[in-house]
Amino acid sequence: MAARTIAIYGKGGIGKSFTTTNLSATFALMNKKVLQLGCDPKHDSTTSLFGGISLPTVTDVFAEKNARNQPVAVSDIVFRRNIAGFSQPIYGIELGGPQVGRGCGGRGIISGFDVLEKLGIFKWDIDIILMDFLGDVVCGGFATPLARSLSEEVILVTSNDRQSIFTANNICQANNYFKTVGGESRLLGLIVNRDDGSGMAEKYAEAAGITVLMKIPYNSDARDRDDSFNFAVELPEIREKFDRLATQILENSITPCEAAGLDFEQFIRLFGDVSEDDPLPATEDELFGRIGDAATEKQAVEEKPGNEDLLLTACIERLPEAERQVYRMTELEQRSTAEIAALSGIDESEVLERLSRARTLLKKLFFEH
């Protein structure tokens, strides 16, 4: 019988490897053969699973073997750990990826799956394959299990902060897109890790139509066990939550979500009031330093008591004719430096010099009143 395949997605550092590792351990304690597949270039998904050992990666092994014109064997990249008290061993693979700045992580994911498929991964005598995927990288390689329906089911891991929920929403949208073009991966729901009780992840899940599968409150003992390469499910309160979720998965009692995710405006409004103003465009003149202190001048004019508009008009009229003409064309008619030069028959550099003199003199005239 083919293995059950589940992709677990989350923002980097949110606890997806913690979740995947403890779910792997829970299935193994239930007498299931589990393979945990790390799909992150950091290749640290299985570190706790293997007691702190860093497994050789598919990417590195393939490169070494290819250089020697040798094929990759199962024993080169698949590793087993026998754990006291567990009724089944746990298997692990790390796809790996290029060193920082030296290649495409998504391409490494695609190539790694090609190697695994040639070795028959989906025909192995495994009950469950848990794929631990980085979710906040938009590169298509990280969507491989969704795009090619290599994962039957998807679980999102998030916390109550906006960025991790945003990542979960992106994966939800991606999965929905692939479903429209023939993808078959089903979204089971969302796990709230390090739950602080604020309810933001639940608020998002309700708005998006996603089931909350499990909430794991912050637990220092659980963190300490993970940091020391042990299992948090050794703690009864954590074990109970993972047991319940693992049982629901095995019994197929979770109804997949038909969520499309929220668009950006819908999403961002979950977190508070959003300004209705359009963004203020910048101009070339200000970015190249050709405007000077125009913004400061404008603010000073707006804040000066009395009839500022009349005063400013009067001050402009007191400017020398050449400076007055350039100032009016720039500030009132909104003409570019090039247009003013063409209309006035002077060089652009002269336009800028006159404008600078006009502003300096205008500021002096204005604040003398």
Protein backbone atom coordinates (compact mmCIF):
# COMPACT_ATOMS: atom_id res chain seq x y z
CA MET A 1 0.00 0.00 0.00
CA ALA A 2 1.32 3.48 -0.93
CA ALA A 3 2.47 5.75 1.86
CA ARG A 4 0.22 8.51 3.16
CA THR A 5 1.93 11.78 2.20
CA ILE A 6 1.48 14.99 4.18
CA ALA A 7 3.27 18.31 3.52
CA ILE A 8 3.70 20.55 6.56
CA TYR A 9 4.29 24.18 5.62
CA GLY A 10 5.23 27.16 7.77
CA LYS A 11 7.28 30.32 7.98
CA GLY A 12 10.93 29.78 8.83
CA GLY A 13 11.43 29.59 12.60
CA ILE A 14 7.74 29.21 13.42
CA GLY A 15 8.04 25.60 14.62
CA LYS A 16 7.19 23.50 11.58
CA SER A 17 10.15 21.16 12.21
CA PHE A 18 9.16 20.93 15.88
CA THR A 19 5.63 20.03 14.79
CA THR A 20 6.75 17.57 12.11
CA THR A 21 9.24 15.84 14.41
CA ASN A 22 6.76 15.34 17.22
CA LEU A 23 4.09 14.16 14.79
CA SER A 24 6.61 11.66 13.37
CA ALA A 25 7.36 10.44 16.88
CA THR A 26 3.66 10.13 17.67
CA PHE A 27 2.96 8.03 14.56
CA ALA A 28 5.95 5.80 15.36
CA LEU A 29 4.63 5.28 18.89
CA MET A 30 1.36 4.21 17.23
CA ASN A 31 3.28 1.45 15.41
CA LYS A 32 3.42 3.26 12.08
CA LYS A 33 6.46 3.34 9.80
CA VAL A 34 7.27 7.02 9.37
CA LEU A 35 9.65 8.82 7.02
CA GLN A 36 10.39 12.46 7.76
CA LEU A 37 11.56 14.35 4.69
CA GLY A 38 13.30 17.66 5.38
CA CYS A 39 12.71 20.07 2.49
CA ASP A 40 14.63 23.13 3.62
CA PRO A 41 18.13 24.14 2.46
CA LYS A 42 19.12 24.50 6.15
CA HIS A 43 18.71 20.69 6.34
CA ASP A 44 17.83 20.77 10.04
CA SER A 45 14.37 19.20 10.01
CA THR A 46 15.55 15.82 11.28
CA THR A 47 18.18 17.07 13.75
CA SER A 48 16.01 16.47 16.83
CA LEU A 49 14.65 13.28 15.30
CA PHE A 50 18.19 11.87 15.12
CA GLY A 51 19.45 13.10 18.47
CA GLY A 52 21.39 16.07 17.12
CA ILE A 53 22.99 14.32 14.14
CA SER A 54 23.05 16.25 10.85
CA LEU A 55 22.17 13.83 8.07
CA PRO A 56 24.02 13.81 4.74
CA THR A 57 21.81 15.59 2.23
CA VAL A 58 20.52 14.37 -1.11
CA THR A 59 22.02 17.47 -2.75
CA ASP A 60 25.53 16.85 -1.40
CA VAL A 61 25.50 13.10 -1.94
CA PHE A 62 24.24 13.46 -5.51
CA ALA A 63 26.97 16.00 -6.31
CA GLU A 64 29.68 13.73 -4.91
CA LYS A 65 28.37 10.62 -6.66
CA ASN A 66 27.83 12.44 -9.93
CA ALA A 67 31.43 13.69 -9.87
CA ARG A 68 32.55 10.05 -9.66
CA ASN A 69 29.98 8.90 -12.20
CA GLN A 70 28.33 6.70 -9.55
CA PRO A 71 24.60 6.22 -8.90
CA VAL A 72 22.98 7.31 -5.64
CA ALA A 73 21.78 4.37 -3.51
CA VAL A 74 19.01 4.37 -0.92
CA SER A 75 21.54 3.72 1.85
CA ASP A 76 23.43 6.90 0.86
CA ILE A 77 20.56 9.24 1.72
CA VAL A 78 17.96 7.40 3.84
CA PHE A 79 18.73 6.88 7.52
CA ARG A 80 17.02 5.01 10.36
CA ARG A 81 16.92 5.66 14.08
CA ASN A 82 15.87 3.02 16.57
CA ILE A 83 14.53 4.70 19.69
CA ALA A 84 14.05 2.96 23.01
CA GLY A 85 10.37 2.59 23.80
CA PHE A 86 9.25 3.12 20.19
CA SER A 87 7.53 0.22 18.47
CA GLN A 88 8.86 1.32 15.07
CA PRO A 89 12.10 2.94 13.90
CA ILE A 90 11.88 6.39 12.35
CA TYR A 91 13.39 7.13 8.94
CA GLY A 92 14.80 10.45 7.81
CA ILE A 93 15.98 12.21 4.66
CA GLU A 94 17.29 15.73 4.19
CA LEU A 95 17.04 17.16 0.68
CA GLY A 96 19.40 20.00 1.53
CA GLY A 97 20.34 22.70 -0.93
CA PRO A 98 23.14 25.03 -2.03
CA GLN A 99 25.25 27.05 0.37
CA VAL A 100 24.03 30.58 1.01
CA GLY A 101 24.36 32.75 -2.09
CA ARG A 102 25.61 29.90 -4.26
CA GLY A 103 22.52 28.55 -5.96
CA CYS A 104 18.76 28.15 -6.06
CA GLY A 105 17.16 26.37 -3.10
CA GLY A 106 14.01 25.66 -5.09
CA ARG A 107 16.00 23.99 -7.84
CA GLY A 108 17.59 21.80 -5.17
CA ILE A 109 14.13 20.72 -4.02
CA ILE A 110 13.09 19.77 -7.55
CA SER A 111 16.33 17.86 -8.21
CA GLY A 112 16.07 16.12 -4.85
CA PHE A 113 12.58 14.86 -5.58
CA ASP A 114 13.77 13.62 -8.97
CA VAL A 115 16.42 11.50 -7.22
CA LEU A 116 13.94 10.17 -4.67
CA GLU A 117 11.37 9.26 -7.29
CA LYS A 118 13.98 7.34 -9.27
CA LEU A 119 14.73 5.41 -6.08
CA GLY A 120 11.02 4.59 -5.75
CA ILE A 121 10.21 6.61 -2.61
CA PHE A 122 6.46 6.35 -3.10
CA LYS A 123 6.69 2.55 -3.41
CA TRP A 124 8.65 1.93 -0.23
CA ASP A 125 7.08 0.01 2.66
CA ILE A 126 6.32 3.19 4.61
CA ASP A 127 3.01 4.12 6.21
CA ILE A 128 3.40 7.89 6.38
CA ILE A 129 5.75 10.40 4.75
CA LEU A 130 5.84 13.78 6.46
CA MET A 131 7.38 16.53 4.31
CA ASP A 132 8.73 19.48 6.28
CA PHE A 133 8.58 22.46 3.90
CA LEU A 134 9.70 26.06 4.20
CA GLY A 135 6.66 28.18 3.42
CA ASP A 136 7.89 31.77 3.14
CA VAL A 137 9.86 31.33 -0.09
CA VAL A 138 7.81 32.06 -3.21
CA CYS A 139 10.11 30.07 -5.53
CA GLY A 140 8.15 27.39 -7.37
CA GLY A 141 10.51 24.64 -6.23
CA PHE A 142 9.12 24.85 -2.71
CA ALA A 143 5.62 24.25 -4.10
CA THR A 144 6.71 20.94 -5.70
CA PRO A 145 4.43 18.71 -3.57
CA LEU A 146 1.45 20.92 -4.40
CA ALA A 147 2.24 21.46 -8.07
CA ARG A 148 2.81 17.75 -8.72
CA SER A 149 0.34 16.41 -6.13
CA LEU A 150 3.15 14.55 -4.37
CA SER A 151 1.51 15.30 -1.04
CA GLU A 152 -2.03 14.06 -0.57
CA GLU A 153 -2.63 16.48 2.27
CA VAL A 154 -1.31 19.82 3.54
CA ILE A 155 -1.07 21.17 7.07
CA LEU A 156 -0.17 24.80 7.80
CA VAL A 157 1.79 25.79 10.92
CA THR A 158 1.55 29.33 12.19
CA SER A 159 1.61 31.45 15.31
CA ASN A 160 -0.49 34.50 16.15
CA ASP A 161 1.83 37.01 14.50
CA ARG A 162 0.95 38.62 11.19
CA GLN A 163 3.96 37.41 9.20
CA SER A 164 3.51 33.72 10.00
CA ILE A 165 -0.21 33.96 9.27
CA PHE A 166 0.60 35.76 6.01
CA THR A 167 2.84 32.84 5.03
CA ALA A 168 0.07 30.37 5.83
CA ASN A 169 -2.34 32.39 3.69
CA ASN A 170 0.13 32.34 0.78
CA ILE A 171 0.39 28.56 0.92
CA CYS A 172 -3.40 28.29 1.10
CA GLN A 173 -3.67 30.46 -2.03
CA ALA A 174 -0.97 28.44 -3.81
CA ASN A 175 -2.69 25.15 -3.06
CA ASN A 176 -5.99 26.56 -4.28
CA TYR A 177 -4.32 27.70 -7.51
CA PHE A 178 -2.83 24.28 -8.19
CA LYS A 179 -6.24 22.70 -7.57
CA THR A 180 -7.63 24.82 -10.43
CA VAL A 181 -5.07 23.29 -12.79
CA GLY A 182 -5.48 19.68 -11.72
CA GLY A 183 -3.69 19.55 -8.36
CA GLU A 184 -5.09 17.09 -5.85
CA SER A 185 -3.45 18.08 -2.54
CA ARG A 186 -6.10 18.62 0.15
CA LEU A 187 -5.74 21.23 2.88
CA LEU A 188 -6.45 19.59 6.24
CA GLY A 189 -6.13 22.72 8.31
CA LEU A 190 -3.93 24.85 10.50
CA ILE A 191 -1.86 24.29 13.65
CA VAL A 192 -1.31 27.25 15.98
CA ASN A 193 2.12 26.87 17.57
CA ARG A 194 3.29 28.94 20.56
CA ASP A 195 -0.30 30.00 21.09
CA ASP A 196 -0.40 33.14 23.24
CA GLY A 197 -4.18 33.22 23.54
CA SER A 198 -4.62 36.35 21.42
CA GLY A 199 -6.77 34.47 18.91
CA MET A 200 -5.36 36.12 15.77
CA ALA A 201 -4.64 32.84 13.99
CA GLU A 202 -8.13 31.61 14.82
CA LYS A 203 -9.60 34.88 13.57
CA TYR A 204 -7.76 34.41 10.28
CA ALA A 205 -8.76 30.74 10.04
CA GLU A 206 -12.43 31.62 10.51
CA ALA A 207 -12.26 34.35 7.86
CA ALA A 208 -10.44 32.08 5.40
CA GLY A 209 -12.53 28.97 6.06
CA ILE A 210 -9.64 26.89 7.44
CA THR A 211 -10.00 24.37 10.26
CA VAL A 212 -7.83 24.85 13.36
CA LEU A 213 -6.48 21.35 13.96
CA MET A 214 -4.47 21.94 17.11
CA LYS A 215 -3.26 24.73 19.38
CA ILE A 216 0.06 24.32 21.19
CA PRO A 217 0.67 26.91 23.90
CA TYR A 218 4.20 28.12 24.56
CA ASN A 219 5.84 25.61 26.88
CA SER A 220 9.39 26.13 28.15
CA ASP A 221 9.79 22.43 28.93
CA ALA A 222 8.81 21.54 25.37
CA ARG A 223 11.27 24.09 24.03
CA ASP A 224 14.06 22.72 26.23
CA ARG A 225 13.41 19.19 24.99
CA ASP A 226 13.52 20.34 21.39
CA ASP A 227 16.71 22.33 21.98
CA SER A 228 18.35 19.26 23.53
CA PHE A 229 17.27 17.00 20.62
CA ASN A 230 14.49 15.20 22.48
CA PHE A 231 10.76 14.89 21.85
CA ALA A 232 8.22 17.30 23.34
CA VAL A 233 5.66 14.47 23.26
CA GLU A 234 7.50 13.08 26.29
CA LEU A 235 5.42 15.67 28.16
CA PRO A 236 1.89 14.35 28.82
CA GLU A 237 0.15 17.64 27.98
CA ILE A 238 1.93 17.80 24.61
CA ARG A 239 1.56 14.07 23.89
CA GLU A 240 -2.21 14.31 24.38
CA LYS A 241 -2.54 16.98 21.68
CA PHE A 242 -0.40 15.13 19.14
CA ASP A 243 -2.13 11.81 19.90
CA ARG A 244 -5.49 13.39 19.16
CA LEU A 245 -4.33 14.91 15.86
CA ALA A 246 -2.50 11.76 14.72
CA THR A 247 -5.60 9.65 15.47
CA GLN A 248 -7.82 12.03 13.50
CA ILE A 249 -5.46 11.81 10.54
CA LEU A 250 -5.28 8.01 10.63
CA GLU A 251 -9.06 7.69 10.99
CA ASN A 252 -9.67 10.20 8.17
CA SER A 253 -12.00 12.14 10.43
CA ILE A 254 -10.75 15.56 9.32
CA THR A 255 -12.82 17.14 6.56
CA PRO A 256 -10.47 18.88 4.09
CA CYS A 257 -10.91 22.65 3.78
CA GLU A 258 -12.15 24.27 0.58
CA ALA A 259 -10.39 27.51 1.41
CA ALA A 260 -9.04 29.81 -1.30
CA GLY A 261 -7.25 32.10 1.15
CA LEU A 262 -7.75 35.84 1.57
CA ASP A 263 -6.64 38.54 -0.85
CA PHE A 264 -4.22 41.12 0.56
CA GLU A 265 -6.85 43.72 1.46
CA GLN A 266 -9.04 41.16 3.21
CA PHE A 267 -6.03 39.79 5.06
CA ILE A 268 -4.55 43.08 6.23
CA ARG A 269 -7.89 44.36 7.55
CA LEU A 270 -7.98 41.48 10.03
CA PHE A 271 -5.30 43.26 12.01
CA GLY A 272 -6.77 46.74 12.33
CA ASP A 273 -7.85 49.88 10.51
CA VAL A 274 -6.11 50.49 7.20
CA SER A 275 -5.50 53.93 5.70
CA GLU A 276 -7.69 54.77 2.73
CA ASP A 277 -5.10 57.18 1.32
CA ASP A 278 -3.26 56.44 -1.90
CA PRO A 279 0.52 56.20 -1.55
CA LEU A 280 2.27 59.51 -2.25
CA PRO A 281 4.47 59.22 -5.37
CA ALA A 282 8.05 60.42 -5.20
CA THR A 283 9.52 62.50 -8.02
CA GLU A 284 12.84 62.42 -9.78
CA ASP A 285 13.52 65.98 -8.70
CA GLU A 286 13.31 65.17 -5.01
CA LEU A 287 15.27 61.92 -5.33
CA PHE A 288 18.07 63.64 -7.23
CA GLY A 289 18.12 66.51 -4.74
CA ARG A 290 16.74 69.11 -7.14
CA ILE A 291 13.88 70.20 -4.87
CA GLY A 292 15.91 71.28 -1.87
CA ASP A 293 13.79 72.13 1.15
CA ALA A 294 10.48 72.53 -0.70
CA ALA A 295 8.68 70.20 1.71
CA THR A 296 10.04 72.14 4.69
CA GLU A 297 9.04 75.43 3.06
CA LYS A 298 5.54 74.14 2.39
CA GLN A 299 5.16 72.95 5.97
CA ALA A 300 6.37 76.32 7.30
CA VAL A 301 3.87 78.14 5.07
CA GLU A 302 1.01 75.92 6.24
CA GLU A 303 1.86 76.41 9.89
CA LYS A 304 2.43 80.22 9.82
CA PRO A 305 -0.51 82.06 11.41
CA GLY A 306 -2.59 84.54 9.39
CA ASN A 307 -3.43 84.60 5.73
CA GLU A 308 -0.47 82.53 4.54
CA ASP A 309 -1.60 82.20 0.94
CA LEU A 310 -1.80 85.95 0.46
CA LEU A 311 1.53 86.45 2.19
CA LEU A 312 3.23 83.81 0.04
CA THR A 313 1.79 85.36 -3.14
CA ALA A 314 3.05 88.76 -2.11
CA CYS A 315 6.52 87.36 -1.43
CA ILE A 316 6.64 85.65 -4.82
CA GLU A 317 5.81 88.96 -6.49
CA ARG A 318 8.84 90.55 -4.78
CA LEU A 319 11.24 88.06 -6.38
CA PRO A 320 13.43 89.22 -9.29
CA GLU A 321 11.71 88.55 -12.59
CA ALA A 322 13.98 85.69 -13.73
CA GLU A 323 13.73 83.85 -10.41
CA ARG A 324 9.98 84.55 -10.15
CA GLN A 325 9.34 83.08 -13.59
CA VAL A 326 11.24 79.85 -12.87
CA TYR A 327 9.64 79.47 -9.43
CA ARG A 328 6.10 79.86 -10.82
CA MET A 329 6.71 77.40 -13.65
CA THR A 330 8.15 74.84 -11.22
CA GLU A 331 5.84 75.13 -8.23
CA LEU A 332 2.59 76.43 -9.67
CA GLU A 333 2.59 74.95 -13.16
CA GLN A 334 4.44 71.77 -12.16
CA ARG A 335 6.71 71.87 -15.20
CA SER A 336 9.90 69.83 -15.37
CA THR A 337 13.37 71.36 -15.47
CA ALA A 338 13.73 70.36 -19.11
CA GLU A 339 10.43 72.04 -20.08
CA ILE A 340 11.37 75.25 -18.30
CA ALA A 341 14.76 75.34 -19.99
CA ALA A 342 13.16 74.89 -23.41
CA LEU A 343 10.51 77.56 -22.80
CA SER A 344 12.99 80.06 -21.32
CA GLY A 345 15.82 79.44 -23.77
CA ILE A 346 18.36 78.69 -21.03
CA ASP A 347 20.31 75.62 -19.86
CA GLU A 348 18.84 73.28 -17.28
CA SER A 349 21.72 74.12 -14.94
CA GLU A 350 20.70 77.79 -15.09
CA VAL A 351 17.09 76.82 -14.34
CA LEU A 352 18.22 74.98 -11.20
CA GLU A 353 20.40 77.91 -10.10
CA ARG A 354 17.53 80.38 -10.51
CA LEU A 355 15.15 78.07 -8.67
CA SER A 356 17.61 77.72 -5.80
CA ARG A 357 18.03 81.51 -5.56
CA ALA A 358 14.26 81.97 -5.69
CA ARG A 359 13.66 79.56 -2.82
CA THR A 360 16.38 81.06 -0.67
CA LEU A 361 15.09 84.59 -1.19
CA LEU A 362 11.45 83.56 -0.82
CA LYS A 363 12.16 81.92 2.53
CA LYS A 364 13.86 85.09 3.74
CA LEU A 365 11.01 87.35 2.55
CA PHE A 366 8.34 85.11 4.07
CA PHE A 367 9.84 84.87 7.53
CA GLU A 368 10.62 88.57 7.73
CA HIS A 369 6.88 89.19 8.19
